[in-house]
Amino acid sequence: MAKKKIINRQLVEHLALLSRLELKPNQLALFEQQLEEILEYVAAINEVKTGAPTATQTITGLTDVLRTDMSSESDCLPLAEVLKNALSKQDSYFKVKALFE
């Protein structure tokens, strides 16, 4: 059974017009051949049976090695010690110059 030709010269001329390409007759023949080969290749790829692929999040098998972010009162400095070296403070906050006016 002969392969059905999908691309013809008229289609290439139409594609060239839509793409605003000025093709010479020898270029039209070349494009016709190349587009036909591309579509044959795509058809061959479409024939491959892939089944239902499984979702993959990672291919390395590595897992997250970071610990969860937890803090406790024993890990924190007392507020007085934190603000001890502040140039300027207001209540229990650092006081800084305004960034935006």
PDB file of N, CA and C in Angstrom:
ATOM      1  N   MET A   1       0.838  -1.186   0.000  1.00  0.00           N
ATOM      2  CA  MET A   1       0.000   0.000   0.000  1.00  0.00           C
ATOM      3  C   MET A   1       0.879   1.244   0.000  1.00  0.00           C
ATOM      4  N   ALA A   2       0.637   2.118  -0.933  1.00  0.00           N
ATOM      5  CA  ALA A   2       1.436   3.334  -1.061  1.00  0.00           C
ATOM      6  C   ALA A   2       1.048   4.339   0.023  1.00  0.00           C
ATOM      7  N   LYS A   3       2.043   5.088   0.454  1.00  0.00           N
ATOM      8  CA  LYS A   3       1.785   6.118   1.460  1.00  0.00           C
ATOM      9  C   LYS A   3       1.011   7.265   0.826  1.00  0.00           C
ATOM     10  N   LYS A   4       0.061   7.777   1.591  1.00  0.00           N
ATOM     11  CA  LYS A   4      -0.705   8.920   1.111  1.00  0.00           C
ATOM     12  C   LYS A   4       0.148  10.167   1.299  1.00  0.00           C
ATOM     13  N   LYS A   5       0.330  10.911   0.237  1.00  0.00           N
ATOM     14  CA  LYS A   5       1.141  12.118   0.292  1.00  0.00           C
ATOM     15  C   LYS A   5       0.296  13.237   0.908  1.00  0.00           C
ATOM     16  N   ILE A   6       0.794  13.812   1.985  1.00  0.00           N
ATOM     17  CA  ILE A   6       0.053  14.834   2.712  1.00  0.00           C
ATOM     18  C   ILE A   6       0.362  16.223   2.174  1.00  0.00           C
ATOM     19  N   ILE A   7       1.603  16.451   1.827  1.00  0.00           N
ATOM     20  CA  ILE A   7       2.061  17.774   1.379  1.00  0.00           C
ATOM     21  C   ILE A   7       2.135  17.801  -0.143  1.00  0.00           C
ATOM     22  N   ASN A   8       1.604  18.862  -0.728  1.00  0.00           N
ATOM     23  CA  ASN A   8       1.744  19.053  -2.171  1.00  0.00           C
ATOM     24  C   ASN A   8       2.244  20.483  -2.420  1.00  0.00           C
ATOM     25  N   ARG A   9       2.539  20.757  -3.655  1.00  0.00           N
ATOM     26  CA  ARG A   9       3.119  22.056  -4.002  1.00  0.00           C
ATOM     27  C   ARG A   9       2.178  23.213  -3.655  1.00  0.00           C
ATOM     28  N   GLN A  10       0.876  23.023  -3.888  1.00  0.00           N
ATOM     29  CA  GLN A  10      -0.084  24.089  -3.592  1.00  0.00           C
ATOM     30  C   GLN A  10      -0.104  24.413  -2.090  1.00  0.00           C
ATOM     31  N   LEU A  11      -0.008  23.383  -1.261  1.00  0.00           N
ATOM     32  CA  LEU A  11       0.001  23.604   0.186  1.00  0.00           C
ATOM     33  C   LEU A  11       1.268  24.346   0.606  1.00  0.00           C
ATOM     34  N   VAL A  12       2.394  23.988   0.015  1.00  0.00           N
ATOM     35  CA  VAL A  12       3.649  24.683   0.322  1.00  0.00           C
ATOM     36  C   VAL A  12       3.562  26.139  -0.109  1.00  0.00           C
ATOM     37  N   GLU A  13       2.985  26.389  -1.284  1.00  0.00           N
ATOM     38  CA  GLU A  13       2.816  27.770  -1.743  1.00  0.00           C
ATOM     39  C   GLU A  13       1.909  28.551  -0.791  1.00  0.00           C
ATOM     40  N   HIS A  14       0.853  27.895  -0.313  1.00  0.00           N
ATOM     41  CA  HIS A  14      -0.062  28.546   0.620  1.00  0.00           C
ATOM     42  C   HIS A  14       0.644  28.842   1.949  1.00  0.00           C
ATOM     43  N   LEU A  15       1.413  27.877   2.459  1.00  0.00           N
ATOM     44  CA  LEU A  15       2.160  28.090   3.704  1.00  0.00           C
ATOM     45  C   LEU A  15       3.182  29.208   3.545  1.00  0.00           C
ATOM     46  N   ALA A  16       3.825  29.262   2.385  1.00  0.00           N
ATOM     47  CA  ALA A  16       4.799  30.327   2.122  1.00  0.00           C
ATOM     48  C   ALA A  16       4.100  31.686   2.104  1.00  0.00           C
ATOM     49  N   LEU A  17       2.916  31.738   1.516  1.00  0.00           N
ATOM     50  CA  LEU A  17       2.148  32.985   1.481  1.00  0.00           C
ATOM     51  C   LEU A  17       1.776  33.411   2.903  1.00  0.00           C
ATOM     52  N   LEU A  18       1.275  32.475   3.701  1.00  0.00           N
ATOM     53  CA  LEU A  18       0.899  32.795   5.088  1.00  0.00           C
ATOM     54  C   LEU A  18       2.111  33.226   5.917  1.00  0.00           C
ATOM     55  N   SER A  19       3.264  32.628   5.612  1.00  0.00           N
ATOM     56  CA  SER A  19       4.499  32.946   6.346  1.00  0.00           C
ATOM     57  C   SER A  19       5.230  34.142   5.761  1.00  0.00           C
ATOM     58  N   ARG A  20       4.690  34.657   4.663  1.00  0.00           N
ATOM     59  CA  ARG A  20       5.297  35.784   3.951  1.00  0.00           C
ATOM     60  C   ARG A  20       6.729  35.479   3.507  1.00  0.00           C
ATOM     61  N   LEU A  21       6.886  34.263   2.980  1.00  0.00           N
ATOM     62  CA  LEU A  21       8.173  33.837   2.433  1.00  0.00           C
ATOM     63  C   LEU A  21       8.089  33.878   0.909  1.00  0.00           C
ATOM     64  N   GLU A  22       9.093  34.431   0.309  1.00  0.00           N
ATOM     65  CA  GLU A  22       9.163  34.433  -1.151  1.00  0.00           C
ATOM     66  C   GLU A  22      10.081  33.292  -1.569  1.00  0.00           C
ATOM     67  N   LEU A  23       9.468  32.187  -1.981  1.00  0.00           N
ATOM     68  CA  LEU A  23      10.234  31.000  -2.328  1.00  0.00           C
ATOM     69  C   LEU A  23      10.336  30.848  -3.837  1.00  0.00           C
ATOM     70  N   LYS A  24      11.514  30.440  -4.295  1.00  0.00           N
ATOM     71  CA  LYS A  24      11.742  30.153  -5.709  1.00  0.00           C
ATOM     72  C   LYS A  24      11.232  28.730  -5.986  1.00  0.00           C
ATOM     73  N   PRO A  25      11.007  28.388  -7.252  1.00  0.00           N
ATOM     74  CA  PRO A  25      10.481  27.053  -7.575  1.00  0.00           C
ATOM     75  C   PRO A  25      11.319  25.904  -7.000  1.00  0.00           C
ATOM     76  N   ASN A  26      12.648  26.035  -7.041  1.00  0.00           N
ATOM     77  CA  ASN A  26      13.481  24.956  -6.491  1.00  0.00           C
ATOM     78  C   ASN A  26      13.344  24.882  -4.965  1.00  0.00           C
ATOM     79  N   GLN A  27      13.110  26.024  -4.324  1.00  0.00           N
ATOM     80  CA  GLN A  27      12.904  26.038  -2.874  1.00  0.00           C
ATOM     81  C   GLN A  27      11.556  25.420  -2.517  1.00  0.00           C
ATOM     82  N   LEU A  28      10.540  25.651  -3.369  1.00  0.00           N
ATOM     83  CA  LEU A  28       9.229  25.049  -3.130  1.00  0.00           C
ATOM     84  C   LEU A  28       9.333  23.522  -3.127  1.00  0.00           C
ATOM     85  N   ALA A  29      10.084  22.991  -4.076  1.00  0.00           N
ATOM     86  CA  ALA A  29      10.252  21.534  -4.157  1.00  0.00           C
ATOM     87  C   ALA A  29      10.993  21.017  -2.926  1.00  0.00           C
ATOM     88  N   LEU A  30      12.011  21.742  -2.501  1.00  0.00           N
ATOM     89  CA  LEU A  30      12.773  21.338  -1.324  1.00  0.00           C
ATOM     90  C   LEU A  30      11.899  21.375  -0.066  1.00  0.00           C
ATOM     91  N   PHE A  31      11.131  22.450   0.097  1.00  0.00           N
ATOM     92  CA  PHE A  31      10.261  22.565   1.254  1.00  0.00           C
ATOM     93  C   PHE A  31       9.196  21.469   1.240  1.00  0.00           C
ATOM     94  N   GLU A  32       8.679  21.161   0.069  1.00  0.00           N
ATOM     95  CA  GLU A  32       7.673  20.105  -0.050  1.00  0.00           C
ATOM     96  C   GLU A  32       8.245  18.778   0.443  1.00  0.00           C
ATOM     97  N   GLN A  33       9.455  18.471   0.013  1.00  0.00           N
ATOM     98  CA  GLN A  33      10.110  17.229   0.427  1.00  0.00           C
ATOM     99  C   GLN A  33      10.374  17.235   1.938  1.00  0.00           C
ATOM    100  N   GLN A  34      10.902  18.337   2.447  1.00  0.00           N
ATOM    101  CA  GLN A  34      11.244  18.406   3.871  1.00  0.00           C
ATOM    102  C   GLN A  34      10.006  18.331   4.762  1.00  0.00           C
ATOM    103  N   LEU A  35       8.941  19.038   4.389  1.00  0.00           N
ATOM    104  CA  LEU A  35       7.715  18.996   5.191  1.00  0.00           C
ATOM    105  C   LEU A  35       7.098  17.602   5.169  1.00  0.00           C
ATOM    106  N   GLU A  36       7.171  16.942   4.047  1.00  0.00           N
ATOM    107  CA  GLU A  36       6.654  15.572   3.940  1.00  0.00           C
ATOM    108  C   GLU A  36       7.441  14.642   4.872  1.00  0.00           C
ATOM    109  N   GLU A  37       8.764  14.773   4.887  1.00  0.00           N
ATOM    110  CA  GLU A  37       9.596  13.950   5.767  1.00  0.00           C
ATOM    111  C   GLU A  37       9.288  14.227   7.239  1.00  0.00           C
ATOM    112  N   ILE A  38       9.082  15.483   7.579  1.00  0.00           N
ATOM    113  CA  ILE A  38       8.758  15.842   8.967  1.00  0.00           C
ATOM    114  C   ILE A  38       7.438  15.207   9.379  1.00  0.00           C
ATOM    115  N   LEU A  39       6.425  15.293   8.523  1.00  0.00           N
ATOM    116  CA  LEU A  39       5.123  14.722   8.858  1.00  0.00           C
ATOM    117  C   LEU A  39       5.175  13.201   8.933  1.00  0.00           C
ATOM    118  N   GLU A  40       5.995  12.570   8.086  1.00  0.00           N
ATOM    119  CA  GLU A  40       6.177  11.117   8.177  1.00  0.00           C
ATOM    120  C   GLU A  40       6.814  10.743   9.512  1.00  0.00           C
ATOM    121  N   TYR A  41       7.780  11.532   9.943  1.00  0.00           N
ATOM    122  CA  TYR A  41       8.446  11.281  11.220  1.00  0.00           C
ATOM    123  C   TYR A  41       7.459  11.431  12.377  1.00  0.00           C
ATOM    124  N   VAL A  42       6.636  12.473  12.343  1.00  0.00           N
ATOM    125  CA  VAL A  42       5.629  12.684  13.384  1.00  0.00           C
ATOM    126  C   VAL A  42       4.628  11.531  13.393  1.00  0.00           C
ATOM    127  N   ALA A  43       4.234  11.064  12.214  1.00  0.00           N
ATOM    128  CA  ALA A  43       3.309   9.933  12.129  1.00  0.00           C
ATOM    129  C   ALA A  43       3.933   8.682  12.740  1.00  0.00           C
ATOM    130  N   ALA A  44       5.224   8.480  12.504  1.00  0.00           N
ATOM    131  CA  ALA A  44       5.912   7.322  13.087  1.00  0.00           C
ATOM    132  C   ALA A  44       5.951   7.433  14.608  1.00  0.00           C
ATOM    133  N   ILE A  45       6.171   8.617  15.129  1.00  0.00           N
ATOM    134  CA  ILE A  45       6.185   8.816  16.581  1.00  0.00           C
ATOM    135  C   ILE A  45       4.794   8.567  17.160  1.00  0.00           C
ATOM    136  N   ASN A  46       3.757   8.996  16.448  1.00  0.00           N
ATOM    137  CA  ASN A  46       2.386   8.794  16.922  1.00  0.00           C
ATOM    138  C   ASN A  46       2.004   7.316  16.982  1.00  0.00           C
ATOM    139  N   GLU A  47       2.672   6.477  16.221  1.00  0.00           N
ATOM    140  CA  GLU A  47       2.371   5.049  16.226  1.00  0.00           C
ATOM    141  C   GLU A  47       2.969   4.323  17.426  1.00  0.00           C
ATOM    142  N   VAL A  48       3.896   4.930  18.118  1.00  0.00           N
ATOM    143  CA  VAL A  48       4.536   4.306  19.270  1.00  0.00           C
ATOM    144  C   VAL A  48       3.524   4.192  20.395  1.00  0.00           C
ATOM    145  N   LYS A  49       3.397   2.992  20.946  1.00  0.00           N
ATOM    146  CA  LYS A  49       2.464   2.776  22.039  1.00  0.00           C
ATOM    147  C   LYS A  49       3.173   3.111  23.351  1.00  0.00           C
ATOM    148  N   THR A  50       2.718   4.167  23.976  1.00  0.00           N
ATOM    149  CA  THR A  50       3.350   4.590  25.225  1.00  0.00           C
ATOM    150  C   THR A  50       2.561   4.147  26.445  1.00  0.00           C
ATOM    151  N   GLY A  51       1.311   3.778  26.279  1.00  0.00           N
ATOM    152  CA  GLY A  51       0.496   3.395  27.428  1.00  0.00           C
ATOM    153  C   GLY A  51       0.225   4.616  28.290  1.00  0.00           C
ATOM    154  N   ALA A  52      -0.145   4.360  29.507  1.00  0.00           N
ATOM    155  CA  ALA A  52      -0.407   5.458  30.433  1.00  0.00           C
ATOM    156  C   ALA A  52       0.836   5.654  31.300  1.00  0.00           C
ATOM    157  N   PRO A  53       1.627   6.669  31.027  1.00  0.00           N
ATOM    158  CA  PRO A  53       2.838   6.874  31.813  1.00  0.00           C
ATOM    159  C   PRO A  53       2.486   7.277  33.250  1.00  0.00           C
ATOM    160  N   THR A  54       3.313   6.862  34.173  1.00  0.00           N
ATOM    161  CA  THR A  54       3.086   7.234  35.567  1.00  0.00           C
ATOM    162  C   THR A  54       3.694   8.605  35.827  1.00  0.00           C
ATOM    163  N   ALA A  55       3.071   9.327  36.707  1.00  0.00           N
ATOM    164  CA  ALA A  55       3.568  10.666  37.052  1.00  0.00           C
ATOM    165  C   ALA A  55       4.882  10.538  37.813  1.00  0.00           C
ATOM    166  N   THR A  56       5.825  11.378  37.471  1.00  0.00           N
ATOM    167  CA  THR A  56       7.128  11.365  38.120  1.00  0.00           C
ATOM    168  C   THR A  56       7.416  12.745  38.685  1.00  0.00           C
ATOM    169  N   GLN A  57       7.721  12.783  39.979  1.00  0.00           N
ATOM    170  CA  GLN A  57       8.085  14.054  40.585  1.00  0.00           C
ATOM    171  C   GLN A  57       9.598  14.244  40.565  1.00  0.00           C
ATOM    172  N   THR A  58      10.311  13.160  40.759  1.00  0.00           N
ATOM    173  CA  THR A  58      11.766  13.235  40.736  1.00  0.00           C
ATOM    174  C   THR A  58      12.311  11.937  40.174  1.00  0.00           C
ATOM    175  N   ILE A  59      13.403  12.029  39.469  1.00  0.00           N
ATOM    176  CA  ILE A  59      13.982  10.820  38.894  1.00  0.00           C
ATOM    177  C   ILE A  59      15.195  10.344  39.678  1.00  0.00           C
ATOM    178  N   THR A  60      15.625  11.136  40.657  1.00  0.00           N
ATOM    179  CA  THR A  60      16.838  10.775  41.386  1.00  0.00           C
ATOM    180  C   THR A  60      16.567   9.870  42.568  1.00  0.00           C
ATOM    181  N   GLY A  61      15.329   9.876  43.082  1.00  0.00           N
ATOM    182  CA  GLY A  61      15.018   9.072  44.251  1.00  0.00           C
ATOM    183  C   GLY A  61      15.415   9.741  45.557  1.00  0.00           C
ATOM    184  N   LEU A  62      15.988  10.941  45.463  1.00  0.00           N
ATOM    185  CA  LEU A  62      16.379  11.649  46.675  1.00  0.00           C
ATOM    186  C   LEU A  62      15.148  12.201  47.381  1.00  0.00           C
ATOM    187  N   THR A  63      15.245  12.303  48.685  1.00  0.00           N
ATOM    188  CA  THR A  63      14.141  12.873  49.448  1.00  0.00           C
ATOM    189  C   THR A  63      14.616  14.146  50.124  1.00  0.00           C
ATOM    190  N   ASP A  64      13.678  14.890  50.654  1.00  0.00           N
ATOM    191  CA  ASP A  64      13.987  16.139  51.337  1.00  0.00           C
ATOM    192  C   ASP A  64      14.783  15.826  52.600  1.00  0.00           C
ATOM    193  N   VAL A  65      15.957  16.407  52.726  1.00  0.00           N
ATOM    194  CA  VAL A  65      16.814  16.119  53.872  1.00  0.00           C
ATOM    195  C   VAL A  65      16.817  17.256  54.885  1.00  0.00           C
ATOM    196  N   LEU A  66      15.972  18.259  54.687  1.00  0.00           N
ATOM    197  CA  LEU A  66      15.924  19.383  55.606  1.00  0.00           C
ATOM    198  C   LEU A  66      15.028  19.053  56.784  1.00  0.00           C
ATOM    199  N   ARG A  67      15.380  19.547  57.938  1.00  0.00           N
ATOM    200  CA  ARG A  67      14.549  19.312  59.113  1.00  0.00           C
ATOM    201  C   ARG A  67      13.387  20.290  59.110  1.00  0.00           C
ATOM    202  N   THR A  68      12.375  19.981  59.871  1.00  0.00           N
ATOM    203  CA  THR A  68      11.250  20.899  59.974  1.00  0.00           C
ATOM    204  C   THR A  68      11.682  22.118  60.785  1.00  0.00           C
ATOM    205  N   ASP A  69      11.115  23.242  60.477  1.00  0.00           N
ATOM    206  CA  ASP A  69      11.467  24.495  61.129  1.00  0.00           C
ATOM    207  C   ASP A  69      10.700  24.614  62.435  1.00  0.00           C
ATOM    208  N   MET A  70      11.404  24.412  63.539  1.00  0.00           N
ATOM    209  CA  MET A  70      10.777  24.486  64.858  1.00  0.00           C
ATOM    210  C   MET A  70      11.636  25.379  65.742  1.00  0.00           C
ATOM    211  N   SER A  71      10.999  26.104  66.614  1.00  0.00           N
ATOM    212  CA  SER A  71      11.751  26.900  67.584  1.00  0.00           C
ATOM    213  C   SER A  71      11.109  26.723  68.947  1.00  0.00           C
ATOM    214  N   SER A  72      11.904  26.990  69.965  1.00  0.00           N
ATOM    215  CA  SER A  72      11.377  26.910  71.323  1.00  0.00           C
ATOM    216  C   SER A  72      11.912  28.113  72.087  1.00  0.00           C
ATOM    217  N   GLU A  73      11.334  28.365  73.201  1.00  0.00           N
ATOM    218  CA  GLU A  73      11.757  29.506  74.025  1.00  0.00           C
ATOM    219  C   GLU A  73      13.228  29.399  74.399  1.00  0.00           C
ATOM    220  N   SER A  74      13.736  28.191  74.591  1.00  0.00           N
ATOM    221  CA  SER A  74      15.136  28.018  74.994  1.00  0.00           C
ATOM    222  C   SER A  74      16.099  28.387  73.871  1.00  0.00           C
ATOM    223  N   ASP A  75      15.636  28.367  72.620  1.00  0.00           N
ATOM    224  CA  ASP A  75      16.489  28.708  71.481  1.00  0.00           C
ATOM    225  C   ASP A  75      16.598  30.213  71.260  1.00  0.00           C
ATOM    226  N   CYS A  76      15.700  30.989  71.861  1.00  0.00           N
ATOM    227  CA  CYS A  76      15.626  32.422  71.598  1.00  0.00           C
ATOM    228  C   CYS A  76      16.380  33.235  72.651  1.00  0.00           C
ATOM    229  N   LEU A  77      16.960  34.342  72.188  1.00  0.00           N
ATOM    230  CA  LEU A  77      17.608  35.264  73.112  1.00  0.00           C
ATOM    231  C   LEU A  77      16.541  36.096  73.821  1.00  0.00           C
ATOM    232  N   PRO A  78      16.840  36.515  75.035  1.00  0.00           N
ATOM    233  CA  PRO A  78      15.896  37.409  75.712  1.00  0.00           C
ATOM    234  C   PRO A  78      15.823  38.743  74.961  1.00  0.00           C
ATOM    235  N   LEU A  79      14.660  39.382  74.976  1.00  0.00           N
ATOM    236  CA  LEU A  79      14.425  40.621  74.237  1.00  0.00           C
ATOM    237  C   LEU A  79      15.414  41.703  74.637  1.00  0.00           C
ATOM    238  N   ALA A  80      15.704  41.805  75.903  1.00  0.00           N
ATOM    239  CA  ALA A  80      16.642  42.831  76.375  1.00  0.00           C
ATOM    240  C   ALA A  80      18.013  42.637  75.738  1.00  0.00           C
ATOM    241  N   GLU A  81      18.439  41.410  75.614  1.00  0.00           N
ATOM    242  CA  GLU A  81      19.748  41.134  75.008  1.00  0.00           C
ATOM    243  C   GLU A  81      19.730  41.428  73.508  1.00  0.00           C
ATOM    244  N   VAL A  82      18.625  41.148  72.848  1.00  0.00           N
ATOM    245  CA  VAL A  82      18.507  41.407  71.423  1.00  0.00           C
ATOM    246  C   VAL A  82      18.608  42.902  71.146  1.00  0.00           C
ATOM    247  N   LEU A  83      17.936  43.714  71.947  1.00  0.00           N
ATOM    248  CA  LEU A  83      17.899  45.158  71.723  1.00  0.00           C
ATOM    249  C   LEU A  83      19.068  45.898  72.370  1.00  0.00           C
ATOM    250  N   LYS A  84      19.927  45.200  73.068  1.00  0.00           N
ATOM    251  CA  LYS A  84      21.018  45.815  73.827  1.00  0.00           C
ATOM    252  C   LYS A  84      21.911  46.690  72.952  1.00  0.00           C
ATOM    253  N   ASN A  85      22.262  46.254  71.758  1.00  0.00           N
ATOM    254  CA  ASN A  85      23.187  46.994  70.893  1.00  0.00           C
ATOM    255  C   ASN A  85      22.482  47.814  69.812  1.00  0.00           C
ATOM    256  N   ALA A  86      21.167  47.942  69.901  1.00  0.00           N
ATOM    257  CA  ALA A  86      20.427  48.707  68.898  1.00  0.00           C
ATOM    258  C   ALA A  86      20.766  50.186  69.021  1.00  0.00           C
ATOM    259  N   LEU A  87      20.974  50.850  67.885  1.00  0.00           N
ATOM    260  CA  LEU A  87      21.244  52.280  67.899  1.00  0.00           C
ATOM    261  C   LEU A  87      20.027  53.054  68.391  1.00  0.00           C
ATOM    262  N   SER A  88      18.866  52.585  67.977  1.00  0.00           N
ATOM    263  CA  SER A  88      17.636  53.249  68.378  1.00  0.00           C
ATOM    264  C   SER A  88      16.558  52.188  68.502  1.00  0.00           C
ATOM    265  N   LYS A  89      15.728  52.305  69.550  1.00  0.00           N
ATOM    266  CA  LYS A  89      14.648  51.341  69.732  1.00  0.00           C
ATOM    267  C   LYS A  89      13.408  52.054  70.231  1.00  0.00           C
ATOM    268  N   GLN A  90      12.273  51.462  69.957  1.00  0.00           N
ATOM    269  CA  GLN A  90      10.998  51.994  70.421  1.00  0.00           C
ATOM    270  C   GLN A  90      10.182  50.803  70.891  1.00  0.00           C
ATOM    271  N   ASP A  91       9.754  50.823  72.140  1.00  0.00           N
ATOM    272  CA  ASP A  91       9.074  49.696  72.779  1.00  0.00           C
ATOM    273  C   ASP A  91       9.958  48.462  72.627  1.00  0.00           C
ATOM    274  N   SER A  92       9.474  47.423  71.973  1.00  0.00           N
ATOM    275  CA  SER A  92      10.295  46.214  71.825  1.00  0.00           C
ATOM    276  C   SER A  92      10.695  45.985  70.374  1.00  0.00           C
ATOM    277  N   TYR A  93      10.931  47.120  69.645  1.00  0.00           N
ATOM    278  CA  TYR A  93      11.290  47.032  68.232  1.00  0.00           C
ATOM    279  C   TYR A  93      12.538  47.855  67.943  1.00  0.00           C
ATOM    280  N   PHE A  94      13.272  47.449  66.892  1.00  0.00           N
ATOM    281  CA  PHE A  94      14.348  48.282  66.383  1.00  0.00           C
ATOM    282  C   PHE A  94      13.722  49.474  65.689  1.00  0.00           C
ATOM    283  N   LYS A  95      14.292  50.647  65.867  1.00  0.00           N
ATOM    284  CA  LYS A  95      13.793  51.836  65.190  1.00  0.00           C
ATOM    285  C   LYS A  95      14.795  52.215  64.127  1.00  0.00           C
ATOM    286  N   VAL A  96      14.328  52.321  62.897  1.00  0.00           N
ATOM    287  CA  VAL A  96      15.207  52.630  61.764  1.00  0.00           C
ATOM    288  C   VAL A  96      14.617  53.800  60.979  1.00  0.00           C
ATOM    289  N   LYS A  97      15.437  54.411  60.157  1.00  0.00           N
ATOM    290  CA  LYS A  97      14.955  55.500  59.314  1.00  0.00           C
ATOM    291  C   LYS A  97      13.984  54.934  58.290  1.00  0.00           C
ATOM    292  N   ALA A  98      13.022  55.745  57.898  1.00  0.00           N
ATOM    293  CA  ALA A  98      12.043  55.320  56.918  1.00  0.00           C
ATOM    294  C   ALA A  98      12.714  55.048  55.574  1.00  0.00           C
ATOM    295  N   LEU A  99      12.297  53.961  54.918  1.00  0.00           N
ATOM    296  CA  LEU A  99      12.847  53.630  53.609  1.00  0.00           C
ATOM    297  C   LEU A  99      12.116  54.368  52.502  1.00  0.00           C
ATOM    298  N   PHE A 100      10.824  54.590  52.706  1.00  0.00           N
ATOM    299  CA  PHE A 100       9.993  55.266  51.704  1.00  0.00           C
ATOM    300  C   PHE A 100       9.378  56.489  52.347  1.00  0.00           C
ATOM    301  N   GLU A 101       9.191  57.501  51.555  1.00  0.00           N
ATOM    302  CA  GLU A 101       8.544  58.716  52.073  1.00  0.00           C
ATOM    303  C   GLU A 101       7.164  58.833  51.511  1.00  0.00           C
TER     304      GLU A 101
END
